[in-house]
Amino acid sequence: MQTKLTNTHRLILWTLFFYTVILSIVIYCFVTDFSNIQEFIYSEF
């Protein structure tokens, strides 16, 4: 029972870890793209 509990906790921790990593990458890409778009707009107008 104890090992099963730790395995489930480990699985939950890994999923949370991957979720945060993927989310941070997506947010980073979105923010950099947004700033690039802003620079493009400023240079155009």
PDB file of N, CA and C in Angstrom:
ATOM      1  N   MET A   1       0.840  -1.204   0.000  1.00  0.00           N
ATOM      2  CA  MET A   1       0.000   0.000   0.000  1.00  0.00           C
ATOM      3  C   MET A   1       0.879   1.260   0.000  1.00  0.00           C
ATOM      4  N   GLN A   2       1.931   1.225   0.796  1.00  0.00           N
ATOM      5  CA  GLN A   2       2.795   2.401   0.873  1.00  0.00           C
ATOM      6  C   GLN A   2       3.505   2.663  -0.456  1.00  0.00           C
ATOM      7  N   THR A   3       4.001   1.605  -1.075  1.00  0.00           N
ATOM      8  CA  THR A   3       4.695   1.788  -2.353  1.00  0.00           C
ATOM      9  C   THR A   3       3.727   2.288  -3.419  1.00  0.00           C
ATOM     10  N   LYS A   4       2.513   1.785  -3.413  1.00  0.00           N
ATOM     11  CA  LYS A   4       1.523   2.240  -4.390  1.00  0.00           C
ATOM     12  C   LYS A   4       1.242   3.737  -4.194  1.00  0.00           C
ATOM     13  N   LEU A   5       1.158   4.159  -2.958  1.00  0.00           N
ATOM     14  CA  LEU A   5       0.891   5.564  -2.667  1.00  0.00           C
ATOM     15  C   LEU A   5       2.039   6.437  -3.191  1.00  0.00           C
ATOM     16  N   THR A   6       3.269   6.012  -2.941  1.00  0.00           N
ATOM     17  CA  THR A   6       4.409   6.805  -3.404  1.00  0.00           C
ATOM     18  C   THR A   6       4.473   6.821  -4.928  1.00  0.00           C
ATOM     19  N   ASN A   7       4.142   5.707  -5.562  1.00  0.00           N
ATOM     20  CA  ASN A   7       4.145   5.669  -7.028  1.00  0.00           C
ATOM     21  C   ASN A   7       3.112   6.638  -7.587  1.00  0.00           C
ATOM     22  N   THR A   8       1.937   6.668  -6.975  1.00  0.00           N
ATOM     23  CA  THR A   8       0.903   7.593  -7.450  1.00  0.00           C
ATOM     24  C   THR A   8       1.361   9.034  -7.243  1.00  0.00           C
ATOM     25  N   HIS A   9       1.963   9.304  -6.098  1.00  0.00           N
ATOM     26  CA  HIS A   9       2.451  10.657  -5.842  1.00  0.00           C
ATOM     27  C   HIS A   9       3.541  11.038  -6.842  1.00  0.00           C
ATOM     28  N   ARG A  10       4.415  10.088  -7.143  1.00  0.00           N
ATOM     29  CA  ARG A  10       5.474  10.360  -8.109  1.00  0.00           C
ATOM     30  C   ARG A  10       4.878  10.657  -9.481  1.00  0.00           C
ATOM     31  N   LEU A  11       3.882   9.883  -9.857  1.00  0.00           N
ATOM     32  CA  LEU A  11       3.224  10.101 -11.151  1.00  0.00           C
ATOM     33  C   LEU A  11       2.580  11.485 -11.198  1.00  0.00           C
ATOM     34  N   ILE A  12       1.891  11.850 -10.117  1.00  0.00           N
ATOM     35  CA  ILE A  12       1.247  13.168 -10.056  1.00  0.00           C
ATOM     36  C   ILE A  12       2.303  14.273 -10.131  1.00  0.00           C
ATOM     37  N   LEU A  13       3.410  14.090  -9.422  1.00  0.00           N
ATOM     38  CA  LEU A  13       4.473  15.091  -9.449  1.00  0.00           C
ATOM     39  C   LEU A  13       5.067  15.225 -10.850  1.00  0.00           C
ATOM     40  N   TRP A  14       5.274  14.096 -11.516  1.00  0.00           N
ATOM     41  CA  TRP A  14       5.839  14.150 -12.870  1.00  0.00           C
ATOM     42  C   TRP A  14       4.884  14.835 -13.838  1.00  0.00           C
ATOM     43  N   THR A  15       3.605  14.513 -13.733  1.00  0.00           N
ATOM     44  CA  THR A  15       2.635  15.148 -14.636  1.00  0.00           C
ATOM     45  C   THR A  15       2.590  16.655 -14.383  1.00  0.00           C
ATOM     46  N   LEU A  16       2.596  17.046 -13.106  1.00  0.00           N
ATOM     47  CA  LEU A  16       2.594  18.474 -12.784  1.00  0.00           C
ATOM     48  C   LEU A  16       3.855  19.145 -13.319  1.00  0.00           C
ATOM     49  N   PHE A  17       4.986  18.466 -13.156  1.00  0.00           N
ATOM     50  CA  PHE A  17       6.252  19.015 -13.627  1.00  0.00           C
ATOM     51  C   PHE A  17       6.222  19.230 -15.139  1.00  0.00           C
ATOM     52  N   PHE A  18       5.803  18.206 -15.877  1.00  0.00           N
ATOM     53  CA  PHE A  18       5.739  18.338 -17.336  1.00  0.00           C
ATOM     54  C   PHE A  18       4.721  19.401 -17.738  1.00  0.00           C
ATOM     55  N   TYR A  19       3.623  19.466 -17.002  1.00  0.00           N
ATOM     56  CA  TYR A  19       2.590  20.461 -17.314  1.00  0.00           C
ATOM     57  C   TYR A  19       3.142  21.876 -17.173  1.00  0.00           C
ATOM     58  N   THR A  20       3.858  22.126 -16.083  1.00  0.00           N
ATOM     59  CA  THR A  20       4.413  23.464 -15.864  1.00  0.00           C
ATOM     60  C   THR A  20       5.485  23.785 -16.901  1.00  0.00           C
ATOM     61  N   VAL A  21       6.309  22.791 -17.247  1.00  0.00           N
ATOM     62  CA  VAL A  21       7.359  23.020 -18.244  1.00  0.00           C
ATOM     63  C   VAL A  21       6.737  23.370 -19.593  1.00  0.00           C
ATOM     64  N   ILE A  22       5.746  22.591 -20.013  1.00  0.00           N
ATOM     65  CA  ILE A  22       5.092  22.841 -21.301  1.00  0.00           C
ATOM     66  C   ILE A  22       4.389  24.195 -21.282  1.00  0.00           C
ATOM     67  N   LEU A  23       3.718  24.499 -20.173  1.00  0.00           N
ATOM     68  CA  LEU A  23       3.020  25.783 -20.065  1.00  0.00           C
ATOM     69  C   LEU A  23       4.005  26.948 -20.136  1.00  0.00           C
ATOM     70  N   SER A  24       5.118  26.834 -19.432  1.00  0.00           N
ATOM     71  CA  SER A  24       6.100  27.921 -19.450  1.00  0.00           C
ATOM     72  C   SER A  24       6.694  28.101 -20.845  1.00  0.00           C
ATOM     73  N   ILE A  25       6.938  26.993 -21.550  1.00  0.00           N
ATOM     74  CA  ILE A  25       7.469  27.090 -22.913  1.00  0.00           C
ATOM     75  C   ILE A  25       6.458  27.779 -23.825  1.00  0.00           C
ATOM     76  N   VAL A  26       5.187  27.393 -23.705  1.00  0.00           N
ATOM     77  CA  VAL A  26       4.145  27.989 -24.546  1.00  0.00           C
ATOM     78  C   VAL A  26       4.009  29.479 -24.244  1.00  0.00           C
ATOM     79  N   ILE A  27       3.997  29.820 -22.960  1.00  0.00           N
ATOM     80  CA  ILE A  27       3.875  31.232 -22.572  1.00  0.00           C
ATOM     81  C   ILE A  27       5.091  32.019 -23.070  1.00  0.00           C
ATOM     82  N   TYR A  28       6.276  31.431 -22.938  1.00  0.00           N
ATOM     83  CA  TYR A  28       7.492  32.108 -23.405  1.00  0.00           C
ATOM     84  C   TYR A  28       7.433  32.354 -24.911  1.00  0.00           C
ATOM     85  N   CYS A  29       7.037  31.358 -25.663  1.00  0.00           N
ATOM     86  CA  CYS A  29       6.926  31.508 -27.120  1.00  0.00           C
ATOM     87  C   CYS A  29       5.883  32.572 -27.455  1.00  0.00           C
ATOM     88  N   PHE A  30       4.760  32.557 -26.766  1.00  0.00           N
ATOM     89  CA  PHE A  30       3.710  33.537 -27.033  1.00  0.00           C
ATOM     90  C   PHE A  30       4.205  34.954 -26.748  1.00  0.00           C
ATOM     91  N   VAL A  31       4.894  35.121 -25.633  1.00  0.00           N
ATOM     92  CA  VAL A  31       5.372  36.455 -25.249  1.00  0.00           C
ATOM     93  C   VAL A  31       6.428  36.945 -26.238  1.00  0.00           C
ATOM     94  N   THR A  32       7.358  36.081 -26.622  1.00  0.00           N
ATOM     95  CA  THR A  32       8.395  36.508 -27.563  1.00  0.00           C
ATOM     96  C   THR A  32       7.783  36.821 -28.921  1.00  0.00           C
ATOM     97  N   ASP A  33       6.839  36.006 -29.368  1.00  0.00           N
ATOM     98  CA  ASP A  33       6.173  36.281 -30.639  1.00  0.00           C
ATOM     99  C   ASP A  33       5.425  37.607 -30.565  1.00  0.00           C
ATOM    100  N   PHE A  34       4.775  37.856 -29.431  1.00  0.00           N
ATOM    101  CA  PHE A  34       4.031  39.098 -29.280  1.00  0.00           C
ATOM    102  C   PHE A  34       4.967  40.300 -29.344  1.00  0.00           C
ATOM    103  N   SER A  35       6.107  40.215 -28.696  1.00  0.00           N
ATOM    104  CA  SER A  35       7.056  41.327 -28.727  1.00  0.00           C
ATOM    105  C   SER A  35       7.627  41.507 -30.130  1.00  0.00           C
ATOM    106  N   ASN A  36       7.852  40.400 -30.831  1.00  0.00           N
ATOM    107  CA  ASN A  36       8.328  40.509 -32.215  1.00  0.00           C
ATOM    108  C   ASN A  36       7.284  41.183 -33.089  1.00  0.00           C
ATOM    109  N   ILE A  37       6.029  40.844 -32.880  1.00  0.00           N
ATOM    110  CA  ILE A  37       4.943  41.468 -33.638  1.00  0.00           C
ATOM    111  C   ILE A  37       4.885  42.968 -33.323  1.00  0.00           C
ATOM    112  N   GLN A  38       5.060  43.309 -32.054  1.00  0.00           N
ATOM    113  CA  GLN A  38       5.065  44.722 -31.674  1.00  0.00           C
ATOM    114  C   GLN A  38       6.212  45.464 -32.350  1.00  0.00           C
ATOM    115  N   GLU A  39       7.396  44.872 -32.352  1.00  0.00           N
ATOM    116  CA  GLU A  39       8.542  45.508 -33.004  1.00  0.00           C
ATOM    117  C   GLU A  39       8.288  45.664 -34.496  1.00  0.00           C
ATOM    118  N   PHE A  40       7.694  44.661 -35.100  1.00  0.00           N
ATOM    119  CA  PHE A  40       7.378  44.728 -36.531  1.00  0.00           C
ATOM    120  C   PHE A  40       6.404  45.874 -36.808  1.00  0.00           C
ATOM    121  N   ILE A  41       5.376  45.984 -35.967  1.00  0.00           N
ATOM    122  CA  ILE A  41       4.383  47.047 -36.141  1.00  0.00           C
ATOM    123  C   ILE A  41       5.046  48.418 -35.951  1.00  0.00           C
ATOM    124  N   TYR A  42       5.901  48.539 -34.929  1.00  0.00           N
ATOM    125  CA  TYR A  42       6.563  49.820 -34.686  1.00  0.00           C
ATOM    126  C   TYR A  42       7.492  50.189 -35.841  1.00  0.00           C
ATOM    127  N   SER A  43       8.164  49.213 -36.406  1.00  0.00           N
ATOM    128  CA  SER A  43       9.075  49.513 -37.514  1.00  0.00           C
ATOM    129  C   SER A  43       8.295  49.839 -38.790  1.00  0.00           C
ATOM    130  N   GLU A  44       7.107  49.261 -38.918  1.00  0.00           N
ATOM    131  CA  GLU A  44       6.314  49.511 -40.126  1.00  0.00           C
ATOM    132  C   GLU A  44       5.641  50.883 -40.075  1.00  0.00           C
ATOM    133  N   PHE A  45       5.169  51.280 -38.902  1.00  0.00           N
ATOM    134  CA  PHE A  45       4.419  52.538 -38.797  1.00  0.00           C
ATOM    135  C   PHE A  45       5.205  53.607 -38.050  1.00  0.00           C
TER     136      PHE A  45
END
